[in-house]
Amino acid sequence: MRHVFIRGIISLIWLAAAVICGMSGSLEMTAIYIVLGGAFLYSAYATWKKEKGGKGGK
């Protein structure tokens, strides 16, 4: 379960970088950071859902 939290934290870091780049005007990097943050967030969610279902909901 620890890797789910680590992926979640990494996704928040990427999304924070996207916000900072968006405010500074670098739209290309903003798009890249949003994609990376979304990929990590999706990965964390999918793993969390898989582990939750596999253990009987505990």
N, C-alpha and C. Protein backbone atom coordinates (compact mmCIF):
# COMPACT_ATOMS: atom_id res chain seq x y z
N MET A 1 0.82 -1.19 0.00
CA MET A 1 0.00 0.00 0.00
C MET A 1 0.87 1.26 0.00
N ARG A 2 2.10 1.10 0.45
CA ARG A 2 2.98 2.25 0.51
C ARG A 2 3.26 2.83 -0.88
N HIS A 3 3.38 1.95 -1.89
CA HIS A 3 3.68 2.44 -3.23
C HIS A 3 2.52 3.24 -3.81
N VAL A 4 1.30 2.98 -3.35
CA VAL A 4 0.15 3.78 -3.79
C VAL A 4 0.29 5.21 -3.28
N PHE A 5 0.69 5.35 -2.01
CA PHE A 5 0.88 6.69 -1.46
C PHE A 5 2.03 7.41 -2.13
N ILE A 6 3.11 6.68 -2.42
CA ILE A 6 4.25 7.31 -3.08
C ILE A 6 3.86 7.79 -4.47
N ARG A 7 3.11 6.96 -5.23
CA ARG A 7 2.65 7.40 -6.55
C ARG A 7 1.72 8.60 -6.45
N GLY A 8 0.88 8.62 -5.44
CA GLY A 8 -0.01 9.76 -5.24
C GLY A 8 0.75 11.04 -4.94
N ILE A 9 1.77 10.94 -4.11
CA ILE A 9 2.58 12.10 -3.78
C ILE A 9 3.34 12.59 -5.00
N ILE A 10 3.90 11.66 -5.77
CA ILE A 10 4.62 12.06 -6.99
C ILE A 10 3.68 12.74 -7.97
N SER A 11 2.45 12.23 -8.08
CA SER A 11 1.50 12.87 -9.00
C SER A 11 1.16 14.28 -8.54
N LEU A 12 1.04 14.49 -7.24
CA LEU A 12 0.77 15.84 -6.74
C LEU A 12 1.94 16.78 -7.01
N ILE A 13 3.15 16.26 -6.93
CA ILE A 13 4.33 17.08 -7.24
C ILE A 13 4.32 17.49 -8.71
N TRP A 14 4.02 16.53 -9.62
CA TRP A 14 3.96 16.86 -11.04
C TRP A 14 2.86 17.88 -11.32
N LEU A 15 1.70 17.72 -10.67
CA LEU A 15 0.61 18.66 -10.90
C LEU A 15 0.93 20.04 -10.33
N ALA A 16 1.65 20.09 -9.22
CA ALA A 16 2.09 21.38 -8.69
C ALA A 16 3.08 22.05 -9.65
N ALA A 17 3.96 21.25 -10.24
CA ALA A 17 4.89 21.80 -11.23
C ALA A 17 4.12 22.32 -12.44
N ALA A 18 3.03 21.65 -12.81
CA ALA A 18 2.22 22.12 -13.93
C ALA A 18 1.59 23.47 -13.62
N VAL A 19 1.13 23.65 -12.40
CA VAL A 19 0.54 24.93 -12.00
C VAL A 19 1.58 26.04 -12.04
N ILE A 20 2.76 25.74 -11.53
CA ILE A 20 3.83 26.75 -11.51
C ILE A 20 4.24 27.12 -12.93
N CYS A 21 4.38 26.12 -13.80
CA CYS A 21 4.75 26.40 -15.19
C CYS A 21 3.63 27.15 -15.90
N GLY A 22 2.40 26.83 -15.58
CA GLY A 22 1.28 27.54 -16.18
C GLY A 22 1.26 29.00 -15.80
N MET A 23 1.60 29.28 -14.55
CA MET A 23 1.63 30.68 -14.10
C MET A 23 2.80 31.43 -14.71
N SER A 24 3.89 30.74 -15.00
CA SER A 24 5.05 31.41 -15.58
C SER A 24 4.93 31.55 -17.10
N GLY A 25 3.97 30.86 -17.70
CA GLY A 25 3.72 31.03 -19.13
C GLY A 25 4.30 29.95 -20.01
N SER A 26 4.86 28.92 -19.46
CA SER A 26 5.44 27.84 -20.25
C SER A 26 4.37 26.76 -20.49
N LEU A 27 3.58 26.95 -21.53
CA LEU A 27 2.44 26.06 -21.76
C LEU A 27 2.85 24.68 -22.24
N GLU A 28 3.98 24.56 -22.93
CA GLU A 28 4.43 23.25 -23.38
C GLU A 28 4.78 22.35 -22.19
N MET A 29 5.53 22.91 -21.25
CA MET A 29 5.91 22.14 -20.07
C MET A 29 4.70 21.87 -19.18
N THR A 30 3.76 22.80 -19.15
CA THR A 30 2.53 22.59 -18.38
C THR A 30 1.79 21.36 -18.89
N ALA A 31 1.69 21.23 -20.20
CA ALA A 31 0.99 20.08 -20.78
C ALA A 31 1.72 18.78 -20.45
N ILE A 32 3.04 18.79 -20.52
CA ILE A 32 3.82 17.59 -20.21
C ILE A 32 3.63 17.21 -18.74
N TYR A 33 3.68 18.19 -17.84
CA TYR A 33 3.53 17.90 -16.42
C TYR A 33 2.13 17.42 -16.09
N ILE A 34 1.12 17.93 -16.76
CA ILE A 34 -0.25 17.46 -16.53
C ILE A 34 -0.39 16.01 -16.97
N VAL A 35 0.21 15.66 -18.10
CA VAL A 35 0.15 14.27 -18.57
C VAL A 35 0.88 13.35 -17.60
N LEU A 36 2.06 13.75 -17.14
CA LEU A 36 2.81 12.93 -16.19
C LEU A 36 2.07 12.78 -14.87
N GLY A 37 1.54 13.88 -14.36
CA GLY A 37 0.77 13.83 -13.11
C GLY A 37 -0.46 12.96 -13.25
N GLY A 38 -1.14 13.07 -14.37
CA GLY A 38 -2.32 12.23 -14.61
C GLY A 38 -1.97 10.76 -14.71
N ALA A 39 -0.85 10.45 -15.34
CA ALA A 39 -0.42 9.06 -15.47
C ALA A 39 -0.11 8.46 -14.10
N PHE A 40 0.61 9.20 -13.26
CA PHE A 40 0.91 8.71 -11.93
C PHE A 40 -0.35 8.58 -11.09
N LEU A 41 -1.26 9.54 -11.21
CA LEU A 41 -2.50 9.49 -10.45
C LEU A 41 -3.36 8.32 -10.87
N TYR A 42 -3.44 8.09 -12.17
CA TYR A 42 -4.21 6.94 -12.66
C TYR A 42 -3.59 5.63 -12.20
N SER A 43 -2.27 5.55 -12.24
CA SER A 43 -1.58 4.34 -11.80
C SER A 43 -1.83 4.08 -10.32
N ALA A 44 -1.77 5.12 -9.51
CA ALA A 44 -2.03 4.95 -8.08
C ALA A 44 -3.46 4.52 -7.83
N TYR A 45 -4.41 5.12 -8.54
CA TYR A 45 -5.81 4.78 -8.35
C TYR A 45 -6.09 3.35 -8.79
N ALA A 46 -5.55 2.94 -9.92
CA ALA A 46 -5.78 1.59 -10.42
C ALA A 46 -5.19 0.54 -9.48
N THR A 47 -4.00 0.81 -8.95
CA THR A 47 -3.38 -0.12 -8.02
C THR A 47 -4.16 -0.18 -6.71
N TRP A 48 -4.61 0.97 -6.23
CA TRP A 48 -5.40 1.01 -4.99
C TRP A 48 -6.70 0.24 -5.16
N LYS A 49 -7.36 0.43 -6.29
CA LYS A 49 -8.62 -0.26 -6.55
C LYS A 49 -8.39 -1.77 -6.65
N LYS A 50 -7.30 -2.18 -7.28
CA LYS A 50 -6.97 -3.60 -7.45
C LYS A 50 -6.69 -4.24 -6.09
N GLU A 51 -5.90 -3.56 -5.24
CA GLU A 51 -5.58 -4.11 -3.93
C GLU A 51 -6.79 -4.15 -3.02
N LYS A 52 -7.63 -3.14 -3.12
CA LYS A 52 -8.82 -3.08 -2.30
C LYS A 52 -9.77 -4.22 -2.67
N GLY A 53 -9.93 -4.50 -3.94
CA GLY A 53 -10.81 -5.58 -4.39
C GLY A 53 -10.23 -6.94 -4.13
N GLY A 54 -8.92 -7.07 -4.19
CA GLY A 54 -8.28 -8.37 -4.01
C GLY A 54 -8.22 -8.86 -2.58
N LYS A 55 -8.35 -7.94 -1.62
CA LYS A 55 -8.26 -8.32 -0.20
C LYS A 55 -9.63 -8.42 0.45
N GLY A 56 -10.69 -8.42 -0.31
CA GLY A 56 -12.01 -8.55 0.27
C GLY A 56 -12.54 -7.26 0.87
N GLY A 57 -11.98 -6.12 0.45
CA GLY A 57 -12.48 -4.84 0.92
C GLY A 57 -11.90 -4.39 2.25
N LYS A 58 -10.87 -5.05 2.74
CA LYS A 58 -10.28 -4.63 4.02
C LYS A 58 -9.25 -3.58 3.83
